[in-house]
């Protein structure tokens, strides 16, 4: 199952580790985990904390089951290849976003134009400004792609990572 929530990308995986370290070792319900992220990892609010939990579970960094969230997922934060693979596979529009990058620089709006038709109809109906909203979501995915080594940033644009 692919997950949609993607928090803003931090500057480094060290900052991601700070968020992971705030998650309990023993599974706790989402509300408890969100409160810990706000209190211990300087996540600004419960909504963003929930996005972090869902996203980190999609990356394989956290365990997510009926009991809640806990540290101890299958993927360590220093395994960027596995993180990148899970990002592409488990985060909605991540693979399409990365695949939309070419050799030349592309802005988030350019990439959104390529993936636009993949945005579900019900998501489009939720808000009048859905193209702007989803362009922002695409940009978050691009920023994570950079952090995970799948893309590079060139000014205000992005290109596919060079091997």
Protein backbone atom coordinates (compact mmCIF):
# COMPACT_ATOMS: atom_id res chain seq x y z
CA UNK A 1 0.00 0.00 0.00
CA UNK A 2 1.35 3.42 -0.90
CA UNK A 3 1.19 6.27 1.59
CA UNK A 4 0.53 9.92 0.72
CA UNK A 5 1.77 11.95 3.69
CA UNK A 6 5.24 13.36 3.15
CA UNK A 7 6.62 15.83 5.69
CA UNK A 8 8.95 18.59 4.55
CA UNK A 9 12.41 17.14 4.01
CA UNK A 10 15.03 18.20 6.55
CA UNK A 11 18.57 19.18 5.61
CA UNK A 12 20.07 15.82 6.54
CA UNK A 13 19.36 12.27 7.61
CA UNK A 14 20.70 13.28 11.03
CA UNK A 15 17.56 15.39 11.47
CA UNK A 16 15.49 12.35 10.47
CA UNK A 17 17.29 10.36 13.17
CA UNK A 18 16.17 12.94 15.74
CA UNK A 19 12.55 12.28 14.77
CA UNK A 20 13.03 8.50 14.79
CA UNK A 21 14.67 8.69 18.23
CA UNK A 22 11.52 10.38 19.59
CA UNK A 23 9.38 7.38 18.61
CA UNK A 24 8.97 4.85 21.44
CA UNK A 25 10.73 1.48 21.43
CA UNK A 26 7.51 -0.28 22.44
CA UNK A 27 4.51 0.26 20.13
CA UNK A 28 2.24 3.09 21.20
CA UNK A 29 -0.93 4.49 19.61
CA UNK A 30 -0.58 7.27 17.04
CA UNK A 31 -1.75 10.01 19.43
CA UNK A 32 0.93 9.08 21.98
CA UNK A 33 3.61 8.96 19.28
CA UNK A 34 2.54 12.30 17.83
CA UNK A 35 2.73 13.91 21.26
CA UNK A 36 6.26 12.52 21.70
CA UNK A 37 7.37 13.90 18.31
CA UNK A 38 6.01 17.34 19.17
CA UNK A 39 7.58 17.27 22.65
CA UNK A 40 10.93 15.63 21.86
CA UNK A 41 11.73 16.24 18.19
CA UNK A 42 10.51 19.80 17.74
CA UNK A 43 7.88 18.73 15.22
CA UNK A 44 5.59 21.78 15.12
CA UNK A 45 2.16 20.14 15.45
CA UNK A 46 0.20 16.91 15.61
CA UNK A 47 -0.66 16.93 11.91
CA UNK A 48 2.97 17.10 10.88
CA UNK A 49 3.87 14.48 13.50
CA UNK A 50 1.29 12.12 12.00
CA UNK A 51 2.80 12.70 8.54
CA UNK A 52 6.24 11.83 9.90
CA UNK A 53 4.98 8.57 11.42
CA UNK A 54 3.23 7.41 8.26
CA UNK A 55 6.15 8.45 6.06
CA UNK A 56 8.83 6.82 8.21
CA UNK A 57 6.80 3.61 8.33
CA UNK A 58 6.61 3.71 4.51
CA UNK A 59 10.40 4.05 4.38
CA UNK A 60 10.71 0.99 6.62
CA UNK A 61 12.33 2.88 9.48
CA UNK A 62 9.44 2.37 11.93
CA UNK A 63 7.27 -0.60 12.76
CA UNK A 64 3.57 0.07 12.22
CA UNK A 65 0.97 -2.44 13.39
CA UNK A 66 -2.31 -2.64 15.27
CA UNK A 67 -0.56 -1.66 18.52
CA UNK A 68 0.79 1.53 16.98
CA UNK A 69 4.21 2.82 15.96
CA UNK A 70 7.61 1.87 17.33
CA UNK A 71 11.29 2.22 16.48
CA UNK A 72 12.89 -0.81 14.96
CA UNK A 73 11.82 -1.01 11.36
CA UNK A 74 13.62 -3.18 8.83
CA UNK A 75 15.73 -0.38 7.33
CA UNK A 76 18.46 1.53 9.18
CA UNK A 77 18.84 5.22 8.39
CA UNK A 78 22.33 4.70 7.00
CA UNK A 79 21.04 2.38 4.25
CA UNK A 80 20.12 5.08 1.75
CA UNK A 81 19.70 2.56 -1.08
CA UNK A 82 16.98 0.72 0.86
CA UNK A 83 15.39 3.98 1.97
CA UNK A 84 15.33 5.22 -1.62
CA UNK A 85 13.84 1.94 -2.86
CA UNK A 86 11.12 2.05 -0.19
CA UNK A 87 10.46 5.71 -0.98
CA UNK A 88 9.88 4.87 -4.66
CA UNK A 89 7.77 1.81 -3.86
CA UNK A 90 5.74 2.88 -0.82
CA UNK A 91 5.14 6.63 -1.18
CA UNK A 92 2.36 7.74 -3.51
CA UNK A 93 3.71 9.55 -6.60
CA UNK A 94 7.33 9.18 -5.50
CA UNK A 95 8.42 6.91 -8.35
CA UNK A 96 6.50 8.94 -10.93
CA UNK A 97 7.99 12.16 -9.58
CA UNK A 98 11.55 10.83 -9.78
CA UNK A 99 10.91 9.29 -13.21
CA UNK A 100 9.60 12.65 -14.49
CA UNK A 101 13.04 14.19 -13.97
CA UNK A 102 15.15 14.34 -17.07
CA UNK A 103 18.71 15.32 -17.77
CA UNK A 104 17.79 18.98 -17.89
CA UNK A 105 16.57 20.92 -14.87
CA UNK A 106 12.85 20.72 -14.10
CA UNK A 107 10.90 22.88 -11.71
CA UNK A 108 8.34 21.36 -9.34
CA UNK A 109 5.63 22.81 -11.61
CA UNK A 110 7.20 21.06 -14.62
CA UNK A 111 7.26 17.75 -12.76
CA UNK A 112 3.69 18.25 -11.52
CA UNK A 113 2.56 18.75 -15.12
CA UNK A 114 3.92 15.27 -15.91
CA UNK A 115 2.29 13.51 -12.91
CA UNK A 116 -0.87 15.63 -12.70
CA UNK A 117 -3.18 12.95 -14.11
CA UNK A 118 -2.16 10.52 -11.35
CA UNK A 119 -3.73 12.73 -8.66
CA UNK A 120 -6.97 10.96 -7.69
CA UNK A 121 -10.24 12.60 -8.72
CA UNK A 122 -11.43 12.81 -5.12
CA UNK A 123 -8.25 14.71 -4.20
CA UNK A 124 -8.98 17.20 -6.97
CA UNK A 125 -12.51 17.73 -5.69
CA UNK A 126 -11.36 18.48 -2.12
CA UNK A 127 -10.06 21.97 -2.88
CA UNK A 128 -10.28 24.67 -5.52
CA UNK A 129 -6.52 25.18 -5.58
CA UNK A 130 -5.62 21.51 -5.97
CA UNK A 131 -2.95 22.10 -8.66
CA UNK A 132 -1.03 24.47 -6.37
CA UNK A 133 -1.52 22.15 -3.40
CA UNK A 134 -0.25 19.12 -5.32
CA UNK A 135 2.63 21.07 -6.85
CA UNK A 136 3.74 21.60 -3.24
CA UNK A 137 3.36 17.89 -2.54
CA UNK A 138 5.46 17.09 -5.62
CA UNK A 139 8.12 19.52 -4.40
CA UNK A 140 8.26 17.72 -1.04
CA UNK A 141 8.80 14.45 -2.88
CA UNK A 142 11.55 16.06 -4.94
CA UNK A 143 13.27 17.34 -1.79
CA UNK A 144 13.16 13.84 -0.29
CA UNK A 145 14.47 12.41 -3.57
CA UNK A 146 17.47 14.73 -3.20
CA UNK A 147 18.02 13.69 0.42
CA UNK A 148 17.84 10.01 -0.57
CA UNK A 149 20.21 10.37 -3.53
CA UNK A 150 17.62 9.93 -6.28
CA UNK A 151 17.81 13.52 -7.54
CA UNK A 152 19.96 16.61 -7.39
CA UNK A 153 18.95 20.19 -6.90
CA UNK A 154 20.10 22.87 -9.33
CA UNK A 155 18.94 26.23 -8.08
CA UNK A 156 15.14 26.12 -7.95
CA UNK A 157 15.02 23.05 -10.19
CA UNK A 158 15.78 19.34 -9.96
CA UNK A 159 17.51 16.75 -12.15
CA UNK A 160 17.78 12.99 -11.89
CA UNK A 161 20.78 11.86 -9.88
CA UNK A 162 23.87 11.30 -11.94
CA UNK A 163 25.52 7.94 -11.42
